[in-house]
Amino acid sequence: MQRKVFGLGDIVEMKKPHPCGTNAWKVIRMGMDIRMKCTGCGHSVLLPRSRFEKRMKRVLVPAESSGDDTSRPGSL
């Protein structure tokens, strides 16, 4: 099975919704454990990486790149 690709600051969709009604979460810490924050109510959850990868469906919104703004065309 291929490992799922996600990064710090990504908004990810989980298989089951949170009790507040949303299933979109922001990844706020990465390591052996993944800490994510519910985009609906702000609740924070810490999951082992293996459990997180099983429950994650896809990345909804990738995080902004950490490069400086001068690398984008049209910025000064």
PDB file of N, CA and C in Angstrom:
ATOM      1  N   MET A   1       0.829  -1.177   0.000  1.00  0.00           N
ATOM      2  CA  MET A   1       0.000   0.000   0.000  1.00  0.00           C
ATOM      3  C   MET A   1       0.880   1.248   0.000  1.00  0.00           C
ATOM      4  N   GLN A   2       0.515   2.224  -0.798  1.00  0.00           N
ATOM      5  CA  GLN A   2       1.301   3.450  -0.922  1.00  0.00           C
ATOM      6  C   GLN A   2       0.991   4.394   0.240  1.00  0.00           C
ATOM      7  N   ARG A   3       2.038   5.047   0.762  1.00  0.00           N
ATOM      8  CA  ARG A   3       1.844   6.002   1.858  1.00  0.00           C
ATOM      9  C   ARG A   3       1.146   7.246   1.329  1.00  0.00           C
ATOM     10  N   LYS A   4       0.264   7.801   2.130  1.00  0.00           N
ATOM     11  CA  LYS A   4      -0.454   9.002   1.734  1.00  0.00           C
ATOM     12  C   LYS A   4       0.435  10.222   1.934  1.00  0.00           C
ATOM     13  N   VAL A   5       0.333  11.168   1.009  1.00  0.00           N
ATOM     14  CA  VAL A   5       1.174  12.354   1.044  1.00  0.00           C
ATOM     15  C   VAL A   5       0.368  13.509   1.633  1.00  0.00           C
ATOM     16  N   PHE A   6       0.893  14.092   2.690  1.00  0.00           N
ATOM     17  CA  PHE A   6       0.270  15.243   3.324  1.00  0.00           C
ATOM     18  C   PHE A   6       1.374  16.026   4.013  1.00  0.00           C
ATOM     19  N   GLY A   7       1.093  17.279   4.342  1.00  0.00           N
ATOM     20  CA  GLY A   7       2.116  18.112   4.956  1.00  0.00           C
ATOM     21  C   GLY A   7       1.548  18.979   6.057  1.00  0.00           C
ATOM     22  N   LEU A   8       2.432  19.649   6.743  1.00  0.00           N
ATOM     23  CA  LEU A   8       2.060  20.543   7.822  1.00  0.00           C
ATOM     24  C   LEU A   8       1.259  21.714   7.263  1.00  0.00           C
ATOM     25  N   GLY A   9       0.119  21.983   7.841  1.00  0.00           N
ATOM     26  CA  GLY A   9      -0.732  23.078   7.399  1.00  0.00           C
ATOM     27  C   GLY A   9      -1.777  22.684   6.376  1.00  0.00           C
ATOM     28  N   ASP A  10      -1.747  21.438   5.884  1.00  0.00           N
ATOM     29  CA  ASP A  10      -2.751  20.975   4.921  1.00  0.00           C
ATOM     30  C   ASP A  10      -4.109  20.825   5.595  1.00  0.00           C
ATOM     31  N   ILE A  11      -5.171  21.059   4.832  1.00  0.00           N
ATOM     32  CA  ILE A  11      -6.528  20.756   5.282  1.00  0.00           C
ATOM     33  C   ILE A  11      -6.871  19.405   4.665  1.00  0.00           C
ATOM     34  N   VAL A  12      -7.163  18.405   5.513  1.00  0.00           N
ATOM     35  CA  VAL A  12      -7.416  17.046   5.033  1.00  0.00           C
ATOM     36  C   VAL A  12      -8.854  16.641   5.335  1.00  0.00           C
ATOM     37  N   GLU A  13      -9.369  15.720   4.515  1.00  0.00           N
ATOM     38  CA  GLU A  13     -10.702  15.164   4.731  1.00  0.00           C
ATOM     39  C   GLU A  13     -10.540  13.790   5.363  1.00  0.00           C
ATOM     40  N   MET A  14     -11.286  13.565   6.438  1.00  0.00           N
ATOM     41  CA  MET A  14     -11.250  12.277   7.128  1.00  0.00           C
ATOM     42  C   MET A  14     -12.455  11.445   6.697  1.00  0.00           C
ATOM     43  N   LYS A  15     -12.393  10.130   6.929  1.00  0.00           N
ATOM     44  CA  LYS A  15     -13.466   9.241   6.502  1.00  0.00           C
ATOM     45  C   LYS A  15     -14.757   9.485   7.272  1.00  0.00           C
ATOM     46  N   LYS A  16     -14.658   9.718   8.574  1.00  0.00           N
ATOM     47  CA  LYS A  16     -15.847   9.934   9.392  1.00  0.00           C
ATOM     48  C   LYS A  16     -15.903  11.394   9.828  1.00  0.00           C
ATOM     49  N   PRO A  17     -17.096  11.987   9.849  1.00  0.00           N
ATOM     50  CA  PRO A  17     -17.197  13.385  10.285  1.00  0.00           C
ATOM     51  C   PRO A  17     -17.045  13.526  11.799  1.00  0.00           C
ATOM     52  N   HIS A  18     -16.613  14.689  12.215  1.00  0.00           N
ATOM     53  CA  HIS A  18     -16.522  15.051  13.627  1.00  0.00           C
ATOM     54  C   HIS A  18     -17.949  15.276  14.138  1.00  0.00           C
ATOM     55  N   PRO A  19     -18.230  15.099  15.415  1.00  0.00           N
ATOM     56  CA  PRO A  19     -19.586  15.336  15.928  1.00  0.00           C
ATOM     57  C   PRO A  19     -20.137  16.734  15.640  1.00  0.00           C
ATOM     58  N   CYS A  20     -19.279  17.720  15.386  1.00  0.00           N
ATOM     59  CA  CYS A  20     -19.769  19.065  15.067  1.00  0.00           C
ATOM     60  C   CYS A  20     -20.321  19.135  13.642  1.00  0.00           C
ATOM     61  N   GLY A  21     -20.072  18.100  12.825  1.00  0.00           N
ATOM     62  CA  GLY A  21     -20.657  18.034  11.489  1.00  0.00           C
ATOM     63  C   GLY A  21     -19.684  18.171  10.334  1.00  0.00           C
ATOM     64  N   THR A  22     -18.441  18.538  10.587  1.00  0.00           N
ATOM     65  CA  THR A  22     -17.468  18.689   9.504  1.00  0.00           C
ATOM     66  C   THR A  22     -16.467  17.528   9.537  1.00  0.00           C
ATOM     67  N   ASN A  23     -15.886  17.225   8.382  1.00  0.00           N
ATOM     68  CA  ASN A  23     -14.824  16.210   8.359  1.00  0.00           C
ATOM     69  C   ASN A  23     -13.545  16.790   7.759  1.00  0.00           C
ATOM     70  N   ALA A  24     -13.399  18.108   7.820  1.00  0.00           N
ATOM     71  CA  ALA A  24     -12.184  18.782   7.362  1.00  0.00           C
ATOM     72  C   ALA A  24     -11.340  19.152   8.583  1.00  0.00           C
ATOM     73  N   TRP A  25     -10.064  18.796   8.535  1.00  0.00           N
ATOM     74  CA  TRP A  25      -9.144  19.019   9.649  1.00  0.00           C
ATOM     75  C   TRP A  25      -7.866  19.663   9.134  1.00  0.00           C
ATOM     76  N   LYS A  26      -7.250  20.527   9.934  1.00  0.00           N
ATOM     77  CA  LYS A  26      -5.966  21.145   9.589  1.00  0.00           C
ATOM     78  C   LYS A  26      -4.861  20.435  10.365  1.00  0.00           C
ATOM     79  N   VAL A  27      -3.824  20.008   9.652  1.00  0.00           N
ATOM     80  CA  VAL A  27      -2.680  19.339  10.282  1.00  0.00           C
ATOM     81  C   VAL A  27      -1.815  20.425  10.933  1.00  0.00           C
ATOM     82  N   ILE A  28      -1.650  20.359  12.266  1.00  0.00           N
ATOM     83  CA  ILE A  28      -0.899  21.395  12.967  1.00  0.00           C
ATOM     84  C   ILE A  28       0.394  20.870  13.610  1.00  0.00           C
ATOM     85  N   ARG A  29       0.603  19.539  13.607  1.00  0.00           N
ATOM     86  CA  ARG A  29       1.846  18.972  14.136  1.00  0.00           C
ATOM     87  C   ARG A  29       2.084  17.639  13.457  1.00  0.00           C
ATOM     88  N   MET A  30       3.346  17.411  13.065  1.00  0.00           N
ATOM     89  CA  MET A  30       3.698  16.145  12.428  1.00  0.00           C
ATOM     90  C   MET A  30       4.909  15.544  13.120  1.00  0.00           C
ATOM     91  N   GLY A  31       4.908  14.233  13.201  1.00  0.00           N
ATOM     92  CA  GLY A  31       5.987  13.473  13.810  1.00  0.00           C
ATOM     93  C   GLY A  31       5.526  12.023  13.835  1.00  0.00           C
ATOM     94  N   MET A  32       5.838  11.311  14.912  1.00  0.00           N
ATOM     95  CA  MET A  32       5.302   9.964  15.076  1.00  0.00           C
ATOM     96  C   MET A  32       3.792  10.033  15.268  1.00  0.00           C
ATOM     97  N   ASP A  33       3.332  11.138  15.845  1.00  0.00           N
ATOM     98  CA  ASP A  33       1.909  11.399  16.022  1.00  0.00           C
ATOM     99  C   ASP A  33       1.539  12.610  15.174  1.00  0.00           C
ATOM    100  N   ILE A  34       0.281  12.672  14.783  1.00  0.00           N
ATOM    101  CA  ILE A  34      -0.229  13.792  13.998  1.00  0.00           C
ATOM    102  C   ILE A  34      -1.262  14.523  14.845  1.00  0.00           C
ATOM    103  N   ARG A  35      -1.056  15.821  15.049  1.00  0.00           N
ATOM    104  CA  ARG A  35      -2.060  16.630  15.740  1.00  0.00           C
ATOM    105  C   ARG A  35      -2.821  17.395  14.682  1.00  0.00           C
ATOM    106  N   MET A  36      -4.148  17.327  14.766  1.00  0.00           N
ATOM    107  CA  MET A  36      -4.989  18.019  13.811  1.00  0.00           C
ATOM    108  C   MET A  36      -6.069  18.789  14.542  1.00  0.00           C
ATOM    109  N   LYS A  37      -6.523  19.858  13.897  1.00  0.00           N
ATOM    110  CA  LYS A  37      -7.504  20.749  14.494  1.00  0.00           C
ATOM    111  C   LYS A  37      -8.739  20.787  13.603  1.00  0.00           C
ATOM    112  N   CYS A  38      -9.916  20.595  14.194  1.00  0.00           N
ATOM    113  CA  CYS A  38     -11.169  20.619  13.454  1.00  0.00           C
ATOM    114  C   CYS A  38     -11.407  22.023  12.918  1.00  0.00           C
ATOM    115  N   THR A  39     -11.744  22.130  11.624  1.00  0.00           N
ATOM    116  CA  THR A  39     -11.990  23.443  11.037  1.00  0.00           C
ATOM    117  C   THR A  39     -13.369  23.972  11.409  1.00  0.00           C
ATOM    118  N   GLY A  40     -14.240  23.123  11.942  1.00  0.00           N
ATOM    119  CA  GLY A  40     -15.573  23.550  12.332  1.00  0.00           C
ATOM    120  C   GLY A  40     -15.621  24.150  13.727  1.00  0.00           C
ATOM    121  N   CYS A  41     -15.148  23.388  14.721  1.00  0.00           N
ATOM    122  CA  CYS A  41     -15.281  23.824  16.114  1.00  0.00           C
ATOM    123  C   CYS A  41     -13.954  24.149  16.786  1.00  0.00           C
ATOM    124  N   GLY A  42     -12.824  23.797  16.156  1.00  0.00           N
ATOM    125  CA  GLY A  42     -11.519  24.112  16.722  1.00  0.00           C
ATOM    126  C   GLY A  42     -10.968  23.063  17.677  1.00  0.00           C
ATOM    127  N   HIS A  43     -11.656  21.925  17.825  1.00  0.00           N
ATOM    128  CA  HIS A  43     -11.190  20.853  18.705  1.00  0.00           C
ATOM    129  C   HIS A  43      -9.903  20.254  18.152  1.00  0.00           C
ATOM    130  N   SER A  44      -8.943  19.960  19.018  1.00  0.00           N
ATOM    131  CA  SER A  44      -7.649  19.422  18.618  1.00  0.00           C
ATOM    132  C   SER A  44      -7.549  17.953  19.032  1.00  0.00           C
ATOM    133  N   VAL A  45      -7.029  17.114  18.120  1.00  0.00           N
ATOM    134  CA  VAL A  45      -6.913  15.678  18.354  1.00  0.00           C
ATOM    135  C   VAL A  45      -5.513  15.219  17.976  1.00  0.00           C
ATOM    136  N   LEU A  46      -4.951  14.312  18.765  1.00  0.00           N
ATOM    137  CA  LEU A  46      -3.635  13.725  18.502  1.00  0.00           C
ATOM    138  C   LEU A  46      -3.829  12.253  18.162  1.00  0.00           C
ATOM    139  N   LEU A  47      -3.369  11.844  16.963  1.00  0.00           N
ATOM    140  CA  LEU A  47      -3.486  10.456  16.519  1.00  0.00           C
ATOM    141  C   LEU A  47      -2.117   9.907  16.145  1.00  0.00           C
ATOM    142  N   PRO A  48      -1.871   8.612  16.398  1.00  0.00           N
ATOM    143  CA  PRO A  48      -0.657   8.002  15.851  1.00  0.00           C
ATOM    144  C   PRO A  48      -0.683   8.086  14.330  1.00  0.00           C
ATOM    145  N   ARG A  49       0.484   8.224  13.726  1.00  0.00           N
ATOM    146  CA  ARG A  49       0.575   8.390  12.267  1.00  0.00           C
ATOM    147  C   ARG A  49      -0.122   7.251  11.521  1.00  0.00           C
ATOM    148  N   SER A  50       0.030   6.017  11.965  1.00  0.00           N
ATOM    149  CA  SER A  50      -0.585   4.879  11.267  1.00  0.00           C
ATOM    150  C   SER A  50      -2.108   4.983  11.278  1.00  0.00           C
ATOM    151  N   ARG A  51      -2.687   5.367  12.394  1.00  0.00           N
ATOM    152  CA  ARG A  51      -4.137   5.505  12.483  1.00  0.00           C
ATOM    153  C   ARG A  51      -4.623   6.692  11.644  1.00  0.00           C
ATOM    154  N   PHE A  52      -3.840   7.791  11.654  1.00  0.00           N
ATOM    155  CA  PHE A  52      -4.190   8.966  10.855  1.00  0.00           C
ATOM    156  C   PHE A  52      -4.226   8.610   9.367  1.00  0.00           C
ATOM    157  N   GLU A  53      -3.207   7.885   8.891  1.00  0.00           N
ATOM    158  CA  GLU A  53      -3.132   7.523   7.473  1.00  0.00           C
ATOM    159  C   GLU A  53      -4.268   6.599   7.059  1.00  0.00           C
ATOM    160  N   LYS A  54      -4.735   5.733   7.958  1.00  0.00           N
ATOM    161  CA  LYS A  54      -5.858   4.852   7.651  1.00  0.00           C
ATOM    162  C   LYS A  54      -7.165   5.638   7.553  1.00  0.00           C
ATOM    163  N   ARG A  55      -7.316   6.656   8.374  1.00  0.00           N
ATOM    164  CA  ARG A  55      -8.575   7.403   8.444  1.00  0.00           C
ATOM    165  C   ARG A  55      -8.650   8.593   7.489  1.00  0.00           C
ATOM    166  N   MET A  56      -7.509   9.006   6.935  1.00  0.00           N
ATOM    167  CA  MET A  56      -7.503  10.150   6.022  1.00  0.00           C
ATOM    168  C   MET A  56      -7.959   9.721   4.629  1.00  0.00           C
ATOM    169  N   LYS A  57      -8.855  10.525   4.017  1.00  0.00           N
ATOM    170  CA  LYS A  57      -9.295  10.260   2.645  1.00  0.00           C
ATOM    171  C   LYS A  57      -8.394  10.952   1.641  1.00  0.00           C
ATOM    172  N   ARG A  58      -8.294  12.290   1.762  1.00  0.00           N
ATOM    173  CA  ARG A  58      -7.526  13.060   0.780  1.00  0.00           C
ATOM    174  C   ARG A  58      -7.201  14.438   1.342  1.00  0.00           C
ATOM    175  N   VAL A  59      -6.296  15.127   0.656  1.00  0.00           N
ATOM    176  CA  VAL A  59      -5.956  16.503   1.007  1.00  0.00           C
ATOM    177  C   VAL A  59      -6.925  17.423   0.273  1.00  0.00           C
ATOM    178  N   LEU A  60      -7.656  18.235   1.021  1.00  0.00           N
ATOM    179  CA  LEU A  60      -8.602  19.181   0.419  1.00  0.00           C
ATOM    180  C   LEU A  60      -7.895  20.444  -0.048  1.00  0.00           C
ATOM    181  N   VAL A  61      -7.082  21.038   0.845  1.00  0.00           N
ATOM    182  CA  VAL A  61      -6.377  22.287   0.543  1.00  0.00           C
ATOM    183  C   VAL A  61      -4.924  22.111   0.974  1.00  0.00           C
ATOM    184  N   PRO A  62      -3.989  22.075   0.021  1.00  0.00           N
ATOM    185  CA  PRO A  62      -2.571  21.975   0.418  1.00  0.00           C
ATOM    186  C   PRO A  62      -2.112  23.268   1.082  1.00  0.00           C
ATOM    187  N   ALA A  63      -1.138  23.152   1.968  1.00  0.00           N
ATOM    188  CA  ALA A  63      -0.590  24.324   2.662  1.00  0.00           C
ATOM    189  C   ALA A  63       0.167  25.201   1.681  1.00  0.00           C
ATOM    190  N   GLU A  64       0.269  26.459   2.014  1.00  0.00           N
ATOM    191  CA  GLU A  64       1.054  27.393   1.200  1.00  0.00           C
ATOM    192  C   GLU A  64       2.508  26.963   1.240  1.00  0.00           C
ATOM    193  N   SER A  65       3.221  27.167   0.142  1.00  0.00           N
ATOM    194  CA  SER A  65       4.638  26.820   0.109  1.00  0.00           C
ATOM    195  C   SER A  65       5.404  27.759   1.029  1.00  0.00           C
ATOM    196  N   SER A  66       6.504  27.300   1.577  1.00  0.00           N
ATOM    197  CA  SER A  66       7.265  28.099   2.527  1.00  0.00           C
ATOM    198  C   SER A  66       8.252  29.056   1.855  1.00  0.00           C
ATOM    199  N   GLY A  67       8.200  29.139   0.520  1.00  0.00           N
ATOM    200  CA  GLY A  67       9.080  30.047  -0.213  1.00  0.00           C
ATOM    201  C   GLY A  67       8.694  31.505   0.001  1.00  0.00           C
ATOM    202  N   ASP A  68       9.608  32.425  -0.363  1.00  0.00           N
ATOM    203  CA  ASP A  68       9.281  33.846  -0.188  1.00  0.00           C
ATOM    204  C   ASP A  68       8.362  34.307  -1.310  1.00  0.00           C
ATOM    205  N   ASP A  69       7.717  35.465  -1.107  1.00  0.00           N
ATOM    206  CA  ASP A  69       6.723  35.959  -2.053  1.00  0.00           C
ATOM    207  C   ASP A  69       7.341  36.436  -3.370  1.00  0.00           C
ATOM    208  N   THR A  70       8.632  36.682  -3.407  1.00  0.00           N
ATOM    209  CA  THR A  70       9.263  37.178  -4.641  1.00  0.00           C
ATOM    210  C   THR A  70       9.387  36.083  -5.689  1.00  0.00           C
ATOM    211  N   SER A  71       9.194  34.807  -5.304  1.00  0.00           N
ATOM    212  CA  SER A  71       9.320  33.715  -6.263  1.00  0.00           C
ATOM    213  C   SER A  71       8.068  33.578  -7.123  1.00  0.00           C
ATOM    214  N   ARG A  72       6.946  34.188  -6.696  1.00  0.00           N
ATOM    215  CA  ARG A  72       5.718  34.101  -7.474  1.00  0.00           C
ATOM    216  C   ARG A  72       5.688  35.188  -8.540  1.00  0.00           C
ATOM    217  N   PRO A  73       5.218  34.875  -9.725  1.00  0.00           N
ATOM    218  CA  PRO A  73       5.117  35.906 -10.754  1.00  0.00           C
ATOM    219  C   PRO A  73       4.069  36.961 -10.369  1.00  0.00           C
ATOM    220  N   GLY A  74       4.372  38.201 -10.669  1.00  0.00           N
ATOM    221  CA  GLY A  74       3.449  39.276 -10.392  1.00  0.00           C
ATOM    222  C   GLY A  74       3.590  39.915  -9.027  1.00  0.00           C
ATOM    223  N   SER A  75       4.465  39.388  -8.172  1.00  0.00           N
ATOM    224  CA  SER A  75       4.659  39.995  -6.859  1.00  0.00           C
ATOM    225  C   SER A  75       5.948  40.811  -6.859  1.00  0.00           C
ATOM    226  N   LEU A  76       5.963  41.843  -6.064  1.00  0.00           N
ATOM    227  CA  LEU A  76       7.135  42.730  -6.009  1.00  0.00           C
ATOM    228  C   LEU A  76       7.912  42.552  -4.748  1.00  0.00           C
TER     229      LEU A  76
END
